[in-house]
Protein backbone atom coordinates (compact mmCIF):
# COMPACT_ATOMS: atom_id res chain seq x y z
CA MET A 1 1.95 26.49 11.35
CA LEU A 2 2.95 22.83 11.69
CA PRO A 3 6.29 21.97 13.38
CA ARG A 4 7.89 21.01 10.04
CA GLU A 5 11.48 20.27 11.16
CA GLU A 6 10.32 18.18 14.08
CA LEU A 7 7.96 16.20 11.86
CA LEU A 8 10.70 15.53 9.29
CA LYS A 9 13.23 14.11 11.75
CA GLY A 10 14.35 10.65 10.62
CA VAL A 11 11.76 10.22 7.84
CA GLU A 12 12.61 7.97 4.88
CA ASN A 13 10.25 9.46 2.30
CA ARG A 14 11.20 13.07 2.91
CA ASP A 15 9.94 14.61 -0.37
CA THR A 16 6.54 12.93 -0.03
CA VAL A 17 6.18 13.90 3.63
CA VAL A 18 7.13 17.53 2.85
CA ARG A 19 4.47 17.62 0.13
CA VAL A 20 1.82 16.28 2.51
CA ILE A 21 2.82 18.75 5.23
CA ASP A 22 2.33 21.55 2.66
CA GLN A 23 -1.12 20.15 1.83
CA ALA A 24 -2.01 19.86 5.51
CA GLU A 25 -1.11 23.50 6.06
CA GLN A 26 -3.26 24.40 3.07
CA ALA A 27 -6.16 22.45 4.58
CA ILE A 28 -5.76 24.31 7.89
CA LYS A 29 -5.66 27.72 6.17
CA THR A 30 -8.50 27.22 3.71
CA TRP A 31 -10.88 25.10 5.87
CA GLU A 32 -11.18 22.79 2.86
CA VAL A 33 -10.52 19.07 2.37
CA VAL A 34 -7.25 18.61 0.46
CA LEU A 35 -6.44 15.39 -1.41
CA THR A 36 -3.01 13.88 -2.00
CA ASP A 37 -2.03 11.81 -5.00
CA PHE A 38 -1.85 8.03 -4.55
CA LEU A 39 0.73 6.92 -2.00
CA SER A 40 2.53 3.59 -1.66
CA PRO A 41 2.14 1.52 1.53
CA PRO A 42 5.52 2.66 2.99
CA GLU A 43 4.67 6.32 2.27
CA LEU A 44 1.21 5.94 3.81
CA ALA A 45 2.53 4.23 6.93
CA GLU A 46 5.22 6.86 7.46
CA ILE A 47 2.86 9.80 6.94
CA GLN A 48 0.31 8.32 9.34
CA ARG A 49 3.05 7.81 11.95
CA VAL A 50 4.23 11.41 11.53
CA PHE A 51 0.74 12.92 11.63
CA ASN A 52 -0.37 10.88 14.65
CA ARG A 53 1.45 13.42 16.81
CA LEU A 54 -0.72 16.30 15.57
CA THR A 55 -4.08 17.45 16.88
CA GLU A 56 -4.70 20.18 14.30
CA VAL A 57 -5.43 17.93 11.32
CA GLN A 58 -7.00 14.57 10.51
CA LEU A 59 -6.33 12.11 7.71
CA VAL A 60 -8.51 9.54 5.96
CA ALA A 61 -6.95 7.04 3.53
CA TRP A 62 -8.90 5.27 0.78
CA GLY A 63 -7.94 3.41 -2.37
CA GLY A 64 -11.29 2.13 -3.59
CA TYR A 65 -11.55 -1.09 -1.55
CA PRO A 66 -10.44 -2.21 1.92
CA GLN A 67 -7.27 -4.09 0.88
CA ALA A 68 -6.07 -1.43 -1.60
CA GLU A 69 -2.30 -1.01 -1.50
CA ARG A 70 -2.06 2.42 -3.09
CA GLN A 71 -4.35 4.98 -1.47
CA ARG A 72 -5.04 8.71 -1.49
CA LEU A 73 -5.29 10.74 1.70
CA ALA A 74 -7.99 13.29 2.44
CA ILE A 75 -6.65 15.94 4.84
CA ALA A 76 -8.82 18.34 6.81
CA ARG A 77 -8.85 20.41 9.96
CA ALA A 78 -9.57 18.25 13.00
CA ASP A 79 -12.87 20.03 13.63
CA LEU A 80 -14.38 19.27 10.19
CA PRO A 81 -16.32 16.13 9.23
CA LEU A 82 -14.22 13.77 7.10
CA ASP A 83 -14.82 10.28 5.70
CA GLN A 84 -13.86 7.98 2.81
CA SER A 85 -16.56 9.36 0.52
CA GLN A 86 -14.53 12.58 0.23
CA VAL A 87 -11.58 10.75 -1.35
CA SER A 88 -12.24 11.16 -5.11
CA LEU A 89 -11.46 8.13 -7.27
CA VAL A 90 -12.48 6.75 -10.64
CA VAL A 91 -12.37 3.10 -11.72
CA LEU A 92 -11.47 2.45 -15.35
CA GLU A 93 -12.24 -0.77 -17.16
CA ILE A 94 -9.46 -1.69 -19.65
CA ALA A 95 -11.22 -4.32 -21.77
CA GLY A 96 -9.64 -6.44 -24.49
CA ASN A 97 -9.15 -10.04 -25.60
CA PHE A 98 -5.95 -11.22 -23.90
CA LEU A 99 -6.58 -14.91 -24.55
CA PHE A 100 -3.62 -15.26 -26.94
CA ASP A 101 -1.39 -12.51 -25.55
CA SER A 102 -1.74 -12.42 -21.77
CA ALA A 103 -0.80 -9.23 -19.94
CA THR A 104 0.56 -8.75 -16.43
CA HIS A 105 0.16 -5.95 -13.92
CA ARG A 106 3.44 -4.50 -15.26
CA ASP A 107 2.09 -4.50 -18.84
CA PHE A 108 -1.05 -2.57 -17.88
CA LEU A 109 0.89 -0.09 -15.74
CA GLY A 110 3.48 0.34 -18.52
CA ALA A 111 0.75 1.07 -21.08
CA MET A 112 -0.83 3.64 -18.78
CA LEU A 113 2.48 5.39 -18.04
CA GLY A 114 3.24 5.22 -21.77
CA THR A 115 0.43 7.72 -22.36
CA GLY A 116 2.49 10.30 -20.44
CA ILE A 117 0.87 10.18 -17.00
CA VAL A 118 2.84 9.77 -13.75
CA ARG A 119 2.63 6.86 -11.31
CA GLU A 120 1.34 9.07 -8.47
CA LYS A 121 -1.95 9.56 -10.34
CA THR A 122 -2.71 5.83 -10.43
CA GLY A 123 -3.86 3.52 -7.69
CA ASP A 124 -4.19 -0.26 -7.74
CA ILE A 125 -4.56 -2.22 -10.96
CA ILE A 126 -6.63 -5.40 -10.77
CA VAL A 127 -5.76 -7.83 -13.58
CA LEU A 128 -8.72 -9.88 -14.81
CA GLY A 129 -6.89 -12.46 -16.93
CA GLU A 130 -7.99 -12.77 -20.55
CA ARG A 131 -10.61 -10.00 -20.18
CA GLY A 132 -8.24 -7.15 -19.33
CA ALA A 133 -7.98 -5.18 -16.11
CA GLN A 134 -9.49 -2.50 -13.89
CA ALA A 135 -7.46 0.51 -12.79
CA ILE A 136 -8.13 3.08 -10.09
CA VAL A 137 -7.04 6.61 -10.97
CA VAL A 138 -7.57 10.26 -9.97
CA PRO A 139 -10.78 11.59 -11.57
CA GLU A 140 -8.99 14.21 -13.70
CA LEU A 141 -7.26 11.43 -15.69
CA ALA A 142 -10.37 9.45 -16.61
CA GLU A 143 -11.19 11.27 -19.83
CA PHE A 144 -7.55 11.43 -20.94
CA LEU A 145 -7.00 7.69 -20.53
CA GLN A 146 -10.34 6.94 -22.17
CA VAL A 147 -8.96 8.62 -25.30
CA HIS A 148 -5.27 7.65 -25.16
CA LEU A 149 -5.13 4.20 -23.58
CA ASN A 150 -6.08 2.03 -26.54
CA GLN A 151 -3.49 -0.75 -26.59
CA VAL A 152 -1.78 -3.02 -24.05
CA ARG A 153 0.97 -5.23 -25.47
CA SER A 154 -0.37 -6.18 -28.93
CA VAL A 155 -4.01 -6.11 -27.82
CA PRO A 156 -6.41 -3.27 -28.70
CA VAL A 157 -8.34 -2.19 -25.61
CA LYS A 158 -11.36 -0.05 -24.82
CA THR A 159 -10.95 2.11 -21.72
CA GLN A 160 -14.02 3.46 -19.99
CA PRO A 161 -15.13 4.51 -16.48
CA ILE A 162 -17.24 2.10 -14.44
CA GLU A 163 -18.88 2.28 -11.04
CA LEU A 164 -16.80 1.62 -7.93
CA THR A 165 -19.25 -1.17 -7.07
CA GLU A 166 -18.13 -3.03 -10.24
CA LEU A 167 -14.60 -3.56 -8.92
CA LYS A 168 -13.77 -7.27 -9.12
CA VAL A 169 -11.57 -7.63 -6.04
CA ARG A 170 -10.47 -11.10 -4.97
CA GLU A 171 -10.05 -11.81 -1.28
CA PRO A 172 -6.33 -12.21 -0.57
CA LYS A 173 -5.10 -15.80 -0.21
CA LYS A 174 -3.94 -16.36 3.34
CA LYS A 175 -2.54 -19.15 5.45
CA GLU A 176 -2.77 -19.38 9.25
CA LEU A 177 0.09 -20.99 11.12
CA THR A 178 1.63 -21.25 14.57
CA THR A 179 5.30 -21.34 15.49
CA VAL A 180 7.10 -21.79 18.80
CA GLU A 181 10.37 -19.84 19.09
CA ALA A 182 12.95 -19.09 21.75
CA SER A 183 12.72 -15.35 21.00
CA LEU A 184 10.69 -12.77 19.10
CA ARG A 185 13.60 -11.88 16.79
CA LEU A 186 12.65 -10.83 13.28
CA ASP A 187 14.80 -13.51 11.61
CA ALA A 188 13.29 -16.29 13.74
CA ILE A 189 9.62 -15.34 13.29
CA ALA A 190 9.89 -14.35 9.61
CA SER A 191 11.79 -17.50 8.60
CA ALA A 192 9.08 -19.64 10.22
CA GLY A 193 6.25 -17.63 8.66
CA PHE A 194 7.71 -17.54 5.15
CA GLY A 195 8.91 -21.14 5.28
CA MET A 196 12.58 -20.52 4.58
CA SER A 197 15.88 -21.07 6.38
CA ARG A 198 17.01 -18.53 8.95
CA SER A 199 20.20 -17.83 7.00
CA LYS A 200 18.18 -17.07 3.85
CA MET A 201 15.97 -14.72 5.85
CA VAL A 202 19.05 -12.93 7.24
CA ASP A 203 20.21 -12.42 3.63
CA PHE A 204 16.86 -10.75 2.80
CA ILE A 205 17.12 -8.56 5.90
CA ASP A 206 20.76 -7.57 5.20
CA SER A 207 19.92 -6.64 1.59
CA GLY A 208 17.15 -4.23 2.66
CA ASP A 209 14.28 -6.31 1.24
CA VAL A 210 12.39 -6.63 4.54
CA ARG A 211 10.05 -4.06 6.04
CA VAL A 212 8.26 -4.14 9.35
CA ASN A 213 5.13 -1.98 9.39
CA TRP A 214 6.44 -0.66 6.04
CA LYS A 215 9.66 0.62 7.60
CA GLU A 216 12.91 -0.90 6.31
CA VAL A 217 14.60 -3.02 8.97
CA THR A 218 18.18 -4.26 8.54
CA GLN A 219 18.72 -5.78 11.99
CA ALA A 220 17.92 -9.51 12.15
CA SER A 221 17.71 -9.20 15.94
CA SER A 222 14.87 -6.62 15.86
CA GLN A 223 12.09 -7.62 18.25
CA LEU A 224 8.55 -8.14 17.00
CA LYS A 225 5.22 -7.68 18.77
CA SER A 226 1.62 -8.63 18.19
CA GLY A 227 0.09 -6.64 15.30
CA ASP A 228 3.35 -6.16 13.40
CA LEU A 229 3.28 -6.61 9.62
CA ILE A 230 6.35 -8.03 7.88
CA ALA A 231 6.70 -7.55 4.14
CA ILE A 232 9.39 -9.07 1.92
CA ARG A 233 9.79 -7.83 -1.63
CA GLY A 234 8.35 -10.46 -3.98
CA LYS A 235 7.35 -12.85 -1.17
CA GLY A 236 4.16 -11.34 0.27
CA ARG A 237 3.33 -10.32 3.81
CA LEU A 238 3.17 -11.85 7.25
CA GLU A 239 1.06 -10.56 10.14
CA VAL A 240 2.03 -11.33 13.73
CA GLY A 241 -1.04 -12.32 15.75
CA GLU A 242 -1.41 -13.44 19.34
CA ILE A 243 1.79 -14.18 21.27
CA MET A 244 1.74 -16.54 24.30
CA VAL A 245 4.51 -17.70 26.60
CA THR A 246 4.69 -21.48 27.05
CA LYS A 247 5.54 -23.35 30.26
CA LYS A 248 9.11 -23.73 28.99
CA GLU A 249 9.29 -19.95 28.56
CA ARG A 250 9.24 -20.03 24.78
CA TYR A 251 6.96 -17.94 22.56
CA ARG A 252 3.99 -19.47 20.76
CA VAL A 253 3.16 -17.04 17.94
CA GLN A 254 0.07 -17.03 15.74
CA LEU A 255 0.92 -15.91 12.19
CA THR A 256 -1.13 -15.07 9.08
CA ARG A 257 0.68 -15.19 5.77
CA TYR A 258 -0.80 -13.28 2.82
CA MET A 259 0.32 -14.65 -0.55
């Protein structure tokens, strides 16, 4: 079957990757499409890196909309047709009057987990202010949550499935900027992009709060390249765009910050 030990060398999310390797082997054996639970961005990125080496299987990720953070993977043999439509999802509307008791993403997630379900069965939650929220879940949980999710904070809610087309997704806020730096070091580019001092950025890097392409990086001197995505816990994301060398042999870097 798959070269398990080779695939697991140096992985961060070992338990998750092992589970997906098991599911990939099942997909190869049964000639069926196998679905994972929802995966976080670091898990997704690592699994896609690991599976890129393989020719036997293919993966398709989908979380309900293009910018979804948490997504499920559909896994199939490489010679079978596979697309996003085979990733089963249900959108739930969690409707209530939150005008006088506003609820955050954490409140909605806490209420859902309070019914006894596990995080892996839930995708993104889109908070709609005073009207409630929309949550993406695995289909087998839809009926259960419809019955058991009836309060968030002090607010009674009605939970019911809606069409995927009814998702109210806002385009992410983003800011384009350009910086000129002497090097492509992580601390230099990230401090410019996030608008903070280099020493503060080094503190974030040293404390393990910075990821590049969803992989934790603890070396401030790590070199960046075009296409890299830098994420800092609680601060958003920064995408490295075009890099040009100036006449003075410095680097002019196009950056997009997602808030």
